[in-house]
Amino acid sequence: MEGEELRLGRGGVVEEIGPDVDEELWTDDDDGSHAGWYCVRTDPFPCPAAGCGFVAEFMTAAHLVLVWEENDDPNLLRHAQRAKEVGRNPRVVTYEKSYGPSASYYAWEAAGRPVHGVRH
């Protein structure tokens, strides 16, 4: 639905979703390593997609850890603040490959901000 934003409800659960479900998870086409970049670690948080058992410990998009090149990036800080507001106990940490697959925040944004289980 063009122009419609998803709204996070209590605890970050999606309250409104578009009608089209995306069956495949988005992947970042950037093959570069994000080791040494920064991400937001949070308390464990279940994926809001219906029937999905994935539990994130980081700010994610389509099950990929979102990463930023600078630890003071305004978008990183904005997302960490949002996580704090919903009680997810965010901490900015240096990303390590062992955290799981990652995606640059800006590549995710350029791809239209895909979300698991929701097609915009």
PDB file of N, CA and C in Angstrom:
ATOM      1  N   MET A   1       0.853  -1.172   0.000  1.00  0.00           N
ATOM      2  CA  MET A   1       0.000   0.000   0.000  1.00  0.00           C
ATOM      3  C   MET A   1       0.897   1.232   0.000  1.00  0.00           C
ATOM      4  N   GLU A   2       0.925   1.890  -1.085  1.00  0.00           N
ATOM      5  CA  GLU A   2       1.824   3.019  -1.246  1.00  0.00           C
ATOM      6  C   GLU A   2       1.516   4.113  -0.242  1.00  0.00           C
ATOM      7  N   GLY A   3       2.585   4.613   0.403  1.00  0.00           N
ATOM      8  CA  GLY A   3       2.445   5.702   1.343  1.00  0.00           C
ATOM      9  C   GLY A   3       2.004   5.281   2.729  1.00  0.00           C
ATOM     10  N   GLU A   4       1.627   4.018   2.925  1.00  0.00           N
ATOM     11  CA  GLU A   4       1.191   3.571   4.236  1.00  0.00           C
ATOM     12  C   GLU A   4       2.378   3.031   5.011  1.00  0.00           C
ATOM     13  N   GLU A   5       2.518   3.465   6.226  1.00  0.00           N
ATOM     14  CA  GLU A   5       3.604   3.016   7.089  1.00  0.00           C
ATOM     15  C   GLU A   5       3.109   1.896   7.994  1.00  0.00           C
ATOM     16  N   LEU A   6       4.018   0.980   8.301  1.00  0.00           N
ATOM     17  CA  LEU A   6       3.695  -0.016   9.305  1.00  0.00           C
ATOM     18  C   LEU A   6       3.778   0.662  10.650  1.00  0.00           C
ATOM     19  N   ARG A   7       2.923   0.276  11.567  1.00  0.00           N
ATOM     20  CA  ARG A   7       2.927   0.867  12.897  1.00  0.00           C
ATOM     21  C   ARG A   7       3.269  -0.211  13.896  1.00  0.00           C
ATOM     22  N   LEU A   8       4.272   0.056  14.724  1.00  0.00           N
ATOM     23  CA  LEU A   8       4.633  -0.898  15.761  1.00  0.00           C
ATOM     24  C   LEU A   8       3.703  -0.713  16.943  1.00  0.00           C
ATOM     25  N   GLY A   9       3.176  -1.799  17.421  1.00  0.00           N
ATOM     26  CA  GLY A   9       2.318  -1.767  18.591  1.00  0.00           C
ATOM     27  C   GLY A   9       3.121  -2.068  19.834  1.00  0.00           C
ATOM     28  N   ARG A  10       2.452  -2.420  20.889  1.00  0.00           N
ATOM     29  CA  ARG A  10       3.105  -2.717  22.158  1.00  0.00           C
ATOM     30  C   ARG A  10       4.152  -3.814  21.965  1.00  0.00           C
ATOM     31  N   GLY A  11       5.347  -3.565  22.413  1.00  0.00           N
ATOM     32  CA  GLY A  11       6.420  -4.546  22.289  1.00  0.00           C
ATOM     33  C   GLY A  11       6.956  -4.664  20.870  1.00  0.00           C
ATOM     34  N   GLY A  12       6.546  -3.796  19.960  1.00  0.00           N
ATOM     35  CA  GLY A  12       7.077  -3.803  18.612  1.00  0.00           C
ATOM     36  C   GLY A  12       6.368  -4.747  17.662  1.00  0.00           C
ATOM     37  N   VAL A  13       5.196  -5.245  17.996  1.00  0.00           N
ATOM     38  CA  VAL A  13       4.461  -6.157  17.123  1.00  0.00           C
ATOM     39  C   VAL A  13       3.742  -5.341  16.052  1.00  0.00           C
ATOM     40  N   VAL A  14       3.839  -5.781  14.824  1.00  0.00           N
ATOM     41  CA  VAL A  14       3.186  -5.067  13.726  1.00  0.00           C
ATOM     42  C   VAL A  14       1.682  -5.177  13.883  1.00  0.00           C
ATOM     43  N   GLU A  15       1.020  -4.029  13.890  1.00  0.00           N
ATOM     44  CA  GLU A  15      -0.428  -4.001  14.019  1.00  0.00           C
ATOM     45  C   GLU A  15      -1.127  -3.930  12.672  1.00  0.00           C
ATOM     46  N   GLU A  16      -0.489  -3.293  11.689  1.00  0.00           N
ATOM     47  CA  GLU A  16      -1.092  -3.177  10.367  1.00  0.00           C
ATOM     48  C   GLU A  16      -0.095  -3.687   9.349  1.00  0.00           C
ATOM     49  N   ILE A  17      -0.557  -4.514   8.425  1.00  0.00           N
ATOM     50  CA  ILE A  17       0.325  -4.987   7.365  1.00  0.00           C
ATOM     51  C   ILE A  17      -0.394  -4.861   6.039  1.00  0.00           C
ATOM     52  N   GLY A  18       0.397  -4.798   4.992  1.00  0.00           N
ATOM     53  CA  GLY A  18      -0.180  -4.737   3.656  1.00  0.00           C
ATOM     54  C   GLY A  18      -0.762  -6.080   3.277  1.00  0.00           C
ATOM     55  N   PRO A  19      -1.554  -6.133   2.235  1.00  0.00           N
ATOM     56  CA  PRO A  19      -2.240  -7.356   1.862  1.00  0.00           C
ATOM     57  C   PRO A  19      -1.356  -8.402   1.196  1.00  0.00           C
ATOM     58  N   ASP A  20      -0.237  -8.014   0.598  1.00  0.00           N
ATOM     59  CA  ASP A  20       0.612  -8.952  -0.116  1.00  0.00           C
ATOM     60  C   ASP A  20       1.705  -9.492   0.787  1.00  0.00           C
ATOM     61  N   VAL A  21       1.817 -10.799   0.885  1.00  0.00           N
ATOM     62  CA  VAL A  21       2.851 -11.420   1.703  1.00  0.00           C
ATOM     63  C   VAL A  21       4.010 -11.827   0.820  1.00  0.00           C
ATOM     64  N   ASP A  22       5.209 -11.470   1.229  1.00  0.00           N
ATOM     65  CA  ASP A  22       6.420 -11.807   0.503  1.00  0.00           C
ATOM     66  C   ASP A  22       6.929 -13.144   1.035  1.00  0.00           C
ATOM     67  N   GLU A  23       6.943 -14.171   0.225  1.00  0.00           N
ATOM     68  CA  GLU A  23       7.323 -15.511   0.661  1.00  0.00           C
ATOM     69  C   GLU A  23       8.820 -15.684   0.863  1.00  0.00           C
ATOM     70  N   GLU A  24       9.641 -14.878   0.185  1.00  0.00           N
ATOM     71  CA  GLU A  24      11.076 -15.023   0.310  1.00  0.00           C
ATOM     72  C   GLU A  24      11.647 -13.863   1.102  1.00  0.00           C
ATOM     73  N   LEU A  25      12.657 -14.152   1.913  1.00  0.00           N
ATOM     74  CA  LEU A  25      13.324 -13.106   2.669  1.00  0.00           C
ATOM     75  C   LEU A  25      14.224 -12.305   1.747  1.00  0.00           C
ATOM     76  N   TRP A  26      14.285 -11.017   1.976  1.00  0.00           N
ATOM     77  CA  TRP A  26      15.178 -10.140   1.230  1.00  0.00           C
ATOM     78  C   TRP A  26      16.607 -10.409   1.673  1.00  0.00           C
ATOM     79  N   THR A  27      17.551 -10.285   0.769  1.00  0.00           N
ATOM     80  CA  THR A  27      18.963 -10.388   1.125  1.00  0.00           C
ATOM     81  C   THR A  27      19.686  -9.171   0.593  1.00  0.00           C
ATOM     82  N   ASP A  28      20.708  -8.757   1.319  1.00  0.00           N
ATOM     83  CA  ASP A  28      21.530  -7.630   0.901  1.00  0.00           C
ATOM     84  C   ASP A  28      22.445  -8.120  -0.211  1.00  0.00           C
ATOM     85  N   ASP A  29      22.410  -7.482  -1.375  1.00  0.00           N
ATOM     86  CA  ASP A  29      23.253  -7.893  -2.498  1.00  0.00           C
ATOM     87  C   ASP A  29      24.716  -7.529  -2.307  1.00  0.00           C
ATOM     88  N   ASP A  30      25.018  -6.745  -1.297  1.00  0.00           N
ATOM     89  CA  ASP A  30      26.391  -6.337  -1.010  1.00  0.00           C
ATOM     90  C   ASP A  30      27.140  -7.525  -0.426  1.00  0.00           C
ATOM     91  N   ASP A  31      28.160  -8.004  -1.143  1.00  0.00           N
ATOM     92  CA  ASP A  31      28.933  -9.144  -0.665  1.00  0.00           C
ATOM     93  C   ASP A  31      30.051  -8.738   0.286  1.00  0.00           C
ATOM     94  N   GLY A  32      30.165  -7.451   0.583  1.00  0.00           N
ATOM     95  CA  GLY A  32      31.229  -6.978   1.466  1.00  0.00           C
ATOM     96  C   GLY A  32      31.013  -7.409   2.904  1.00  0.00           C
ATOM     97  N   SER A  33      32.094  -7.519   3.621  1.00  0.00           N
ATOM     98  CA  SER A  33      32.016  -7.884   5.038  1.00  0.00           C
ATOM     99  C   SER A  33      31.637  -6.654   5.857  1.00  0.00           C
ATOM    100  N   HIS A  34      30.767  -6.845   6.797  1.00  0.00           N
ATOM    101  CA  HIS A  34      30.370  -5.756   7.681  1.00  0.00           C
ATOM    102  C   HIS A  34      31.069  -5.853   9.042  1.00  0.00           C
ATOM    103  N   ALA A  35      32.033  -6.749   9.178  1.00  0.00           N
ATOM    104  CA  ALA A  35      32.772  -6.874  10.440  1.00  0.00           C
ATOM    105  C   ALA A  35      33.384  -5.520  10.775  1.00  0.00           C
ATOM    106  N   GLY A  36      33.226  -5.106  12.015  1.00  0.00           N
ATOM    107  CA  GLY A  36      33.748  -3.820  12.446  1.00  0.00           C
ATOM    108  C   GLY A  36      32.749  -2.684  12.297  1.00  0.00           C
ATOM    109  N   TRP A  37      31.620  -2.931  11.612  1.00  0.00           N
ATOM    110  CA  TRP A  37      30.562  -1.936  11.545  1.00  0.00           C
ATOM    111  C   TRP A  37      29.814  -1.987  12.876  1.00  0.00           C
ATOM    112  N   TYR A  38      28.725  -1.279  12.999  1.00  0.00           N
ATOM    113  CA  TYR A  38      27.996  -1.202  14.264  1.00  0.00           C
ATOM    114  C   TYR A  38      26.563  -1.660  14.079  1.00  0.00           C
ATOM    115  N   CYS A  39      26.028  -2.255  15.133  1.00  0.00           N
ATOM    116  CA  CYS A  39      24.644  -2.709  15.121  1.00  0.00           C
ATOM    117  C   CYS A  39      24.043  -2.440  16.493  1.00  0.00           C
ATOM    118  N   VAL A  40      22.747  -2.681  16.609  1.00  0.00           N
ATOM    119  CA  VAL A  40      22.050  -2.451  17.867  1.00  0.00           C
ATOM    120  C   VAL A  40      21.626  -3.801  18.436  1.00  0.00           C
ATOM    121  N   ARG A  41      22.259  -4.199  19.521  1.00  0.00           N
ATOM    122  CA  ARG A  41      21.884  -5.432  20.228  1.00  0.00           C
ATOM    123  C   ARG A  41      20.710  -5.102  21.140  1.00  0.00           C
ATOM    124  N   THR A  42      19.747  -6.023  21.223  1.00  0.00           N
ATOM    125  CA  THR A  42      18.565  -5.803  22.058  1.00  0.00           C
ATOM    126  C   THR A  42      18.273  -7.049  22.884  1.00  0.00           C
ATOM    127  N   ASP A  43      17.341  -6.921  23.789  1.00  0.00           N
ATOM    128  CA  ASP A  43      16.820  -8.105  24.460  1.00  0.00           C
ATOM    129  C   ASP A  43      16.161  -8.967  23.386  1.00  0.00           C
ATOM    130  N   PRO A  44      16.101 -10.286  23.584  1.00  0.00           N
ATOM    131  CA  PRO A  44      15.475 -11.162  22.583  1.00  0.00           C
ATOM    132  C   PRO A  44      14.065 -10.676  22.215  1.00  0.00           C
ATOM    133  N   PHE A  45      13.764 -10.744  20.912  1.00  0.00           N
ATOM    134  CA  PHE A  45      12.517 -10.207  20.394  1.00  0.00           C
ATOM    135  C   PHE A  45      12.019 -11.088  19.261  1.00  0.00           C
ATOM    136  N   PRO A  46      10.801 -11.646  19.353  1.00  0.00           N
ATOM    137  CA  PRO A  46      10.304 -12.533  18.291  1.00  0.00           C
ATOM    138  C   PRO A  46       9.960 -11.778  17.013  1.00  0.00           C
ATOM    139  N   CYS A  47      10.166 -12.438  15.889  1.00  0.00           N
ATOM    140  CA  CYS A  47       9.775 -11.890  14.602  1.00  0.00           C
ATOM    141  C   CYS A  47       8.259 -11.673  14.617  1.00  0.00           C
ATOM    142  N   PRO A  48       7.799 -10.500  14.163  1.00  0.00           N
ATOM    143  CA  PRO A  48       6.356 -10.235  14.191  1.00  0.00           C
ATOM    144  C   PRO A  48       5.563 -10.935  13.089  1.00  0.00           C
ATOM    145  N   ALA A  49       6.234 -11.605  12.146  1.00  0.00           N
ATOM    146  CA  ALA A  49       5.504 -12.285  11.075  1.00  0.00           C
ATOM    147  C   ALA A  49       4.749 -13.491  11.635  1.00  0.00           C
ATOM    148  N   ALA A  50       3.518 -13.635  11.243  1.00  0.00           N
ATOM    149  CA  ALA A  50       2.673 -14.733  11.720  1.00  0.00           C
ATOM    150  C   ALA A  50       3.325 -16.086  11.442  1.00  0.00           C
ATOM    151  N   GLY A  51       3.416 -16.917  12.477  1.00  0.00           N
ATOM    152  CA  GLY A  51       3.936 -18.269  12.332  1.00  0.00           C
ATOM    153  C   GLY A  51       5.445 -18.388  12.269  1.00  0.00           C
ATOM    154  N   CYS A  52       6.169 -17.293  12.404  1.00  0.00           N
ATOM    155  CA  CYS A  52       7.632 -17.337  12.325  1.00  0.00           C
ATOM    156  C   CYS A  52       8.211 -17.514  13.726  1.00  0.00           C
ATOM    157  N   GLY A  53       9.134 -18.461  13.876  1.00  0.00           N
ATOM    158  CA  GLY A  53       9.739 -18.733  15.170  1.00  0.00           C
ATOM    159  C   GLY A  53      11.065 -18.032  15.398  1.00  0.00           C
ATOM    160  N   PHE A  54      11.497 -17.172  14.460  1.00  0.00           N
ATOM    161  CA  PHE A  54      12.775 -16.475  14.583  1.00  0.00           C
ATOM    162  C   PHE A  54      12.735 -15.499  15.753  1.00  0.00           C
ATOM    163  N   VAL A  55      13.785 -15.520  16.572  1.00  0.00           N
ATOM    164  CA  VAL A  55      13.916 -14.580  17.676  1.00  0.00           C
ATOM    165  C   VAL A  55      15.199 -13.787  17.466  1.00  0.00           C
ATOM    166  N   ALA A  56      15.068 -12.475  17.366  1.00  0.00           N
ATOM    167  CA  ALA A  56      16.216 -11.599  17.115  1.00  0.00           C
ATOM    168  C   ALA A  56      16.806 -11.108  18.426  1.00  0.00           C
ATOM    169  N   GLU A  57      18.120 -10.916  18.417  1.00  0.00           N
ATOM    170  CA  GLU A  57      18.812 -10.288  19.540  1.00  0.00           C
ATOM    171  C   GLU A  57      19.462  -8.988  19.088  1.00  0.00           C
ATOM    172  N   PHE A  58      19.112  -8.563  17.871  1.00  0.00           N
ATOM    173  CA  PHE A  58      19.639  -7.349  17.270  1.00  0.00           C
ATOM    174  C   PHE A  58      18.509  -6.679  16.509  1.00  0.00           C
ATOM    175  N   MET A  59      18.676  -5.406  16.175  1.00  0.00           N
ATOM    176  CA  MET A  59      17.739  -4.753  15.270  1.00  0.00           C
ATOM    177  C   MET A  59      17.935  -5.447  13.923  1.00  0.00           C
ATOM    178  N   THR A  60      16.869  -5.992  13.380  1.00  0.00           N
ATOM    179  CA  THR A  60      16.961  -6.754  12.139  1.00  0.00           C
ATOM    180  C   THR A  60      15.932  -6.278  11.129  1.00  0.00           C
ATOM    181  N   ALA A  61      16.161  -6.675   9.899  1.00  0.00           N
ATOM    182  CA  ALA A  61      15.198  -6.505   8.818  1.00  0.00           C
ATOM    183  C   ALA A  61      15.280  -7.778   8.004  1.00  0.00           C
ATOM    184  N   ALA A  62      14.149  -8.441   7.833  1.00  0.00           N
ATOM    185  CA  ALA A  62      14.108  -9.702   7.097  1.00  0.00           C
ATOM    186  C   ALA A  62      15.143 -10.683   7.641  1.00  0.00           C
ATOM    187  N   HIS A  63      15.289 -10.708   8.957  1.00  0.00           N
ATOM    188  CA  HIS A  63      16.188 -11.608   9.689  1.00  0.00           C
ATOM    189  C   HIS A  63      17.663 -11.313   9.481  1.00  0.00           C
ATOM    190  N   LEU A  64      17.981 -10.159   8.931  1.00  0.00           N
ATOM    191  CA  LEU A  64      19.374  -9.746   8.758  1.00  0.00           C
ATOM    192  C   LEU A  64      19.688  -8.667   9.795  1.00  0.00           C
ATOM    193  N   VAL A  65      20.851  -8.769  10.430  1.00  0.00           N
ATOM    194  CA  VAL A  65      21.274  -7.760  11.396  1.00  0.00           C
ATOM    195  C   VAL A  65      21.557  -6.471  10.627  1.00  0.00           C
ATOM    196  N   LEU A  66      20.862  -5.394  10.981  1.00  0.00           N
ATOM    197  CA  LEU A  66      21.120  -4.108  10.339  1.00  0.00           C
ATOM    198  C   LEU A  66      22.400  -3.517  10.883  1.00  0.00           C
ATOM    199  N   VAL A  67      23.272  -3.047   9.985  1.00  0.00           N
ATOM    200  CA  VAL A  67      24.565  -2.499  10.398  1.00  0.00           C
ATOM    201  C   VAL A  67      24.782  -1.107   9.807  1.00  0.00           C
ATOM    202  N   TRP A  68      25.542  -0.319  10.542  1.00  0.00           N
ATOM    203  CA  TRP A  68      25.916   1.026  10.149  1.00  0.00           C
ATOM    204  C   TRP A  68      27.433   1.136  10.216  1.00  0.00           C
ATOM    205  N   GLU A  69      28.011   1.934   9.336  1.00  0.00           N
ATOM    206  CA  GLU A  69      29.457   2.073   9.279  1.00  0.00           C
ATOM    207  C   GLU A  69      30.014   2.885  10.454  1.00  0.00           C
ATOM    208  N   GLU A  70      29.226   3.825  10.973  1.00  0.00           N
ATOM    209  CA  GLU A  70      29.660   4.694  12.075  1.00  0.00           C
ATOM    210  C   GLU A  70      28.772   4.478  13.293  1.00  0.00           C
ATOM    211  N   ASN A  71      29.374   4.493  14.485  1.00  0.00           N
ATOM    212  CA  ASN A  71      28.580   4.247  15.690  1.00  0.00           C
ATOM    213  C   ASN A  71      27.756   5.453  16.129  1.00  0.00           C
ATOM    214  N   ASP A  72      27.960   6.593  15.489  1.00  0.00           N
ATOM    215  CA  ASP A  72      27.150   7.766  15.811  1.00  0.00           C
ATOM    216  C   ASP A  72      26.259   8.183  14.636  1.00  0.00           C
ATOM    217  N   ASP A  73      26.018   7.243  13.718  1.00  0.00           N
ATOM    218  CA  ASP A  73      25.141   7.511  12.578  1.00  0.00           C
ATOM    219  C   ASP A  73      23.765   7.918  13.116  1.00  0.00           C
ATOM    220  N   PRO A  74      23.214   9.025  12.645  1.00  0.00           N
ATOM    221  CA  PRO A  74      21.915   9.475  13.159  1.00  0.00           C
ATOM    222  C   PRO A  74      20.806   8.428  13.033  1.00  0.00           C
ATOM    223  N   ASN A  75      20.805   7.629  11.967  1.00  0.00           N
ATOM    224  CA  ASN A  75      19.771   6.600  11.819  1.00  0.00           C
ATOM    225  C   ASN A  75      19.976   5.458  12.807  1.00  0.00           C
ATOM    226  N   LEU A  76      21.200   5.088  13.086  1.00  0.00           N
ATOM    227  CA  LEU A  76      21.476   4.071  14.103  1.00  0.00           C
ATOM    228  C   LEU A  76      20.941   4.566  15.448  1.00  0.00           C
ATOM    229  N   LEU A  77      21.280   5.799  15.795  1.00  0.00           N
ATOM    230  CA  LEU A  77      20.846   6.349  17.087  1.00  0.00           C
ATOM    231  C   LEU A  77      19.329   6.485  17.163  1.00  0.00           C
ATOM    232  N   ARG A  78      18.696   6.835  16.051  1.00  0.00           N
ATOM    233  CA  ARG A  78      17.228   6.955  16.020  1.00  0.00           C
ATOM    234  C   ARG A  78      16.567   5.594  16.248  1.00  0.00           C
ATOM    235  N   HIS A  79      17.100   4.559  15.593  1.00  0.00           N
ATOM    236  CA  HIS A  79      16.529   3.220  15.775  1.00  0.00           C
ATOM    237  C   HIS A  79      16.796   2.685  17.178  1.00  0.00           C
ATOM    238  N   ALA A  80      17.954   2.971  17.725  1.00  0.00           N
ATOM    239  CA  ALA A  80      18.235   2.562  19.103  1.00  0.00           C
ATOM    240  C   ALA A  80      17.266   3.254  20.060  1.00  0.00           C
ATOM    241  N   GLN A  81      16.980   4.516  19.828  1.00  0.00           N
ATOM    242  CA  GLN A  81      16.027   5.245  20.675  1.00  0.00           C
ATOM    243  C   GLN A  81      14.636   4.631  20.585  1.00  0.00           C
ATOM    244  N   ARG A  82      14.219   4.270  19.369  1.00  0.00           N
ATOM    245  CA  ARG A  82      12.903   3.625  19.213  1.00  0.00           C
ATOM    246  C   ARG A  82      12.849   2.303  19.983  1.00  0.00           C
ATOM    247  N   ALA A  83      13.941   1.528  19.902  1.00  0.00           N
ATOM    248  CA  ALA A  83      13.997   0.255  20.632  1.00  0.00           C
ATOM    249  C   ALA A  83      13.912   0.497  22.133  1.00  0.00           C
ATOM    250  N   LYS A  84      14.534   1.557  22.603  1.00  0.00           N
ATOM    251  CA  LYS A  84      14.478   1.900  24.031  1.00  0.00           C
ATOM    252  C   LYS A  84      13.048   2.246  24.436  1.00  0.00           C
ATOM    253  N   GLU A  85      12.361   2.996  23.572  1.00  0.00           N
ATOM    254  CA  GLU A  85      10.992   3.421  23.868  1.00  0.00           C
ATOM    255  C   GLU A  85      10.019   2.258  23.998  1.00  0.00           C
ATOM    256  N   VAL A  86      10.304   1.121  23.345  1.00  0.00           N
ATOM    257  CA  VAL A  86       9.418  -0.042  23.454  1.00  0.00           C
ATOM    258  C   VAL A  86       9.996  -1.110  24.384  1.00  0.00           C
ATOM    259  N   GLY A  87      11.027  -0.737  25.172  1.00  0.00           N
ATOM    260  CA  GLY A  87      11.536  -1.622  26.210  1.00  0.00           C
ATOM    261  C   GLY A  87      12.448  -2.740  25.754  1.00  0.00           C
ATOM    262  N   ARG A  88      13.147  -2.554  24.640  1.00  0.00           N
ATOM    263  CA  ARG A  88      14.006  -3.629  24.126  1.00  0.00           C
ATOM    264  C   ARG A  88      15.453  -3.552  24.622  1.00  0.00           C
ATOM    265  N   ASN A  89      15.785  -2.574  25.488  1.00  0.00           N
ATOM    266  CA  ASN A  89      17.109  -2.476  26.103  1.00  0.00           C
ATOM    267  C   ASN A  89      18.240  -2.453  25.064  1.00  0.00           C
ATOM    268  N   PRO A  90      18.254  -1.470  24.157  1.00  0.00           N
ATOM    269  CA  PRO A  90      19.248  -1.440  23.080  1.00  0.00           C
ATOM    270  C   PRO A  90      20.657  -1.071  23.556  1.00  0.00           C
ATOM    271  N   ARG A  91      21.656  -1.671  22.900  1.00  0.00           N
ATOM    272  CA  ARG A  91      23.066  -1.344  23.118  1.00  0.00           C
ATOM    273  C   ARG A  91      23.756  -1.320  21.770  1.00  0.00           C
ATOM    274  N   VAL A  92      24.469  -0.246  21.453  1.00  0.00           N
ATOM    275  CA  VAL A  92      25.235  -0.181  20.216  1.00  0.00           C
ATOM    276  C   VAL A  92      26.510  -0.988  20.432  1.00  0.00           C
ATOM    277  N   VAL A  93      26.739  -1.974  19.557  1.00  0.00           N
ATOM    278  CA  VAL A  93      27.907  -2.850  19.668  1.00  0.00           C
ATOM    279  C   VAL A  93      28.569  -2.974  18.300  1.00  0.00           C
ATOM    280  N   THR A  94      29.818  -3.406  18.307  1.00  0.00           N
ATOM    281  CA  THR A  94      30.526  -3.661  17.061  1.00  0.00           C
ATOM    282  C   THR A  94      30.030  -4.988  16.495  1.00  0.00           C
ATOM    283  N   TYR A  95      29.604  -4.971  15.234  1.00  0.00           N
ATOM    284  CA  TYR A  95      29.087  -6.176  14.581  1.00  0.00           C
ATOM    285  C   TYR A  95      30.200  -7.197  14.380  1.00  0.00           C
ATOM    286  N   GLU A  96      29.877  -8.449  14.650  1.00  0.00           N
ATOM    287  CA  GLU A  96      30.767  -9.581  14.382  1.00  0.00           C
ATOM    288  C   GLU A  96      30.006 -10.567  13.510  1.00  0.00           C
ATOM    289  N   LYS A  97      30.699 -11.207  12.581  1.00  0.00           N
ATOM    290  CA  LYS A  97      30.073 -12.150  11.662  1.00  0.00           C
ATOM    291  C   LYS A  97      29.299 -13.249  12.407  1.00  0.00           C
ATOM    292  N   SER A  98      29.763 -13.606  13.595  1.00  0.00           N
ATOM    293  CA  SER A  98      29.103 -14.658  14.375  1.00  0.00           C
ATOM    294  C   SER A  98      27.686 -14.271  14.812  1.00  0.00           C
ATOM    295  N   TYR A  99      27.327 -12.988  14.692  1.00  0.00           N
ATOM    296  CA  TYR A  99      25.978 -12.543  15.042  1.00  0.00           C
ATOM    297  C   TYR A  99      24.949 -13.003  14.012  1.00  0.00           C
ATOM    298  N   GLY A 100      25.413 -13.404  12.834  1.00  0.00           N
ATOM    299  CA  GLY A 100      24.515 -13.839  11.776  1.00  0.00           C
ATOM    300  C   GLY A 100      24.620 -12.930  10.568  1.00  0.00           C
ATOM    301  N   PRO A 101      23.873 -13.256   9.514  1.00  0.00           N
ATOM    302  CA  PRO A 101      23.916 -12.462   8.285  1.00  0.00           C
ATOM    303  C   PRO A 101      23.538 -11.005   8.553  1.00  0.00           C
ATOM    304  N   SER A 102      24.169 -10.098   7.818  1.00  0.00           N
ATOM    305  CA  SER A 102      23.929  -8.677   8.038  1.00  0.00           C
ATOM    306  C   SER A 102      23.540  -7.976   6.750  1.00  0.00           C
ATOM    307  N   ALA A 103      23.015  -6.775   6.920  1.00  0.00           N
ATOM    308  CA  ALA A 103      22.689  -5.907   5.786  1.00  0.00           C
ATOM    309  C   ALA A 103      22.963  -4.481   6.203  1.00  0.00           C
ATOM    310  N   SER A 104      23.553  -3.732   5.302  1.00  0.00           N
ATOM    311  CA  SER A 104      23.731  -2.307   5.526  1.00  0.00           C
ATOM    312  C   SER A 104      22.350  -1.663   5.649  1.00  0.00           C
ATOM    313  N   TYR A 105      22.189  -0.829   6.645  1.00  0.00           N
ATOM    314  CA  TYR A 105      20.925  -0.113   6.822  1.00  0.00           C
ATOM    315  C   TYR A 105      20.555   0.633   5.544  1.00  0.00           C
ATOM    316  N   TYR A 106      21.548   1.263   4.913  1.00  0.00           N
ATOM    317  CA  TYR A 106      21.262   2.077   3.731  1.00  0.00           C
ATOM    318  C   TYR A 106      20.926   1.217   2.510  1.00  0.00           C
ATOM    319  N   ALA A 107      21.497   0.024   2.398  1.00  0.00           N
ATOM    320  CA  ALA A 107      21.107  -0.899   1.316  1.00  0.00           C
ATOM    321  C   ALA A 107      19.676  -1.371   1.539  1.00  0.00           C
ATOM    322  N   TRP A 108      19.323  -1.644   2.798  1.00  0.00           N
ATOM    323  CA  TRP A 108      17.965  -2.063   3.147  1.00  0.00           C
ATOM    324  C   TRP A 108      16.972  -0.946   2.820  1.00  0.00           C
ATOM    325  N   GLU A 109      17.337   0.262   3.179  1.00  0.00           N
ATOM    326  CA  GLU A 109      16.474   1.403   2.899  1.00  0.00           C
ATOM    327  C   GLU A 109      16.297   1.603   1.389  1.00  0.00           C
ATOM    328  N   ALA A 110      17.399   1.488   0.632  1.00  0.00           N
ATOM    329  CA  ALA A 110      17.347   1.654  -0.823  1.00  0.00           C
ATOM    330  C   ALA A 110      16.506   0.567  -1.489  1.00  0.00           C
ATOM    331  N   ALA A 111      16.418  -0.606  -0.859  1.00  0.00           N
ATOM    332  CA  ALA A 111      15.626  -1.718  -1.392  1.00  0.00           C
ATOM    333  C   ALA A 111      14.141  -1.574  -1.057  1.00  0.00           C
ATOM    334  N   GLY A 112      13.775  -0.480  -0.393  1.00  0.00           N
ATOM    335  CA  GLY A 112      12.371  -0.250  -0.064  1.00  0.00           C
ATOM    336  C   GLY A 112      11.993  -0.722   1.325  1.00  0.00           C
ATOM    337  N   ARG A 113      12.977  -0.963   2.177  1.00  0.00           N
ATOM    338  CA  ARG A 113      12.776  -1.384   3.578  1.00  0.00           C
ATOM    339  C   ARG A 113      11.921  -2.650   3.692  1.00  0.00           C
ATOM    340  N   PRO A 114      12.318  -3.723   2.973  1.00  0.00           N
ATOM    341  CA  PRO A 114      11.534  -4.963   3.042  1.00  0.00           C
ATOM    342  C   PRO A 114      11.501  -5.534   4.451  1.00  0.00           C
ATOM    343  N   VAL A 115      10.365  -6.095   4.813  1.00  0.00           N
ATOM    344  CA  VAL A 115      10.145  -6.700   6.124  1.00  0.00           C
ATOM    345  C   VAL A 115       9.678  -8.125   5.906  1.00  0.00           C
ATOM    346  N   HIS A 116      10.180  -9.053   6.684  1.00  0.00           N
ATOM    347  CA  HIS A 116       9.770 -10.459   6.566  1.00  0.00           C
ATOM    348  C   HIS A 116       8.263 -10.579   6.742  1.00  0.00           C
ATOM    349  N   GLY A 117       7.641 -11.269   5.796  1.00  0.00           N
ATOM    350  CA  GLY A 117       6.212 -11.527   5.892  1.00  0.00           C
ATOM    351  C   GLY A 117       5.339 -10.391   5.396  1.00  0.00           C
ATOM    352  N   VAL A 118       5.939  -9.282   4.953  1.00  0.00           N
ATOM    353  CA  VAL A 118       5.148  -8.133   4.512  1.00  0.00           C
ATOM    354  C   VAL A 118       5.753  -7.582   3.232  1.00  0.00           C
ATOM    355  N   ARG A 119       4.938  -7.388   2.238  1.00  0.00           N
ATOM    356  CA  ARG A 119       5.408  -6.744   0.998  1.00  0.00           C
ATOM    357  C   ARG A 119       4.804  -5.342   0.974  1.00  0.00           C
ATOM    358  N   HIS A 120       5.661  -4.354   0.744  1.00  0.00           N
ATOM    359  CA  HIS A 120       5.191  -2.955   0.696  1.00  0.00           C
ATOM    360  C   HIS A 120       4.604  -2.650  -0.660  1.00  0.00           C
TER     361      HIS A 120
END
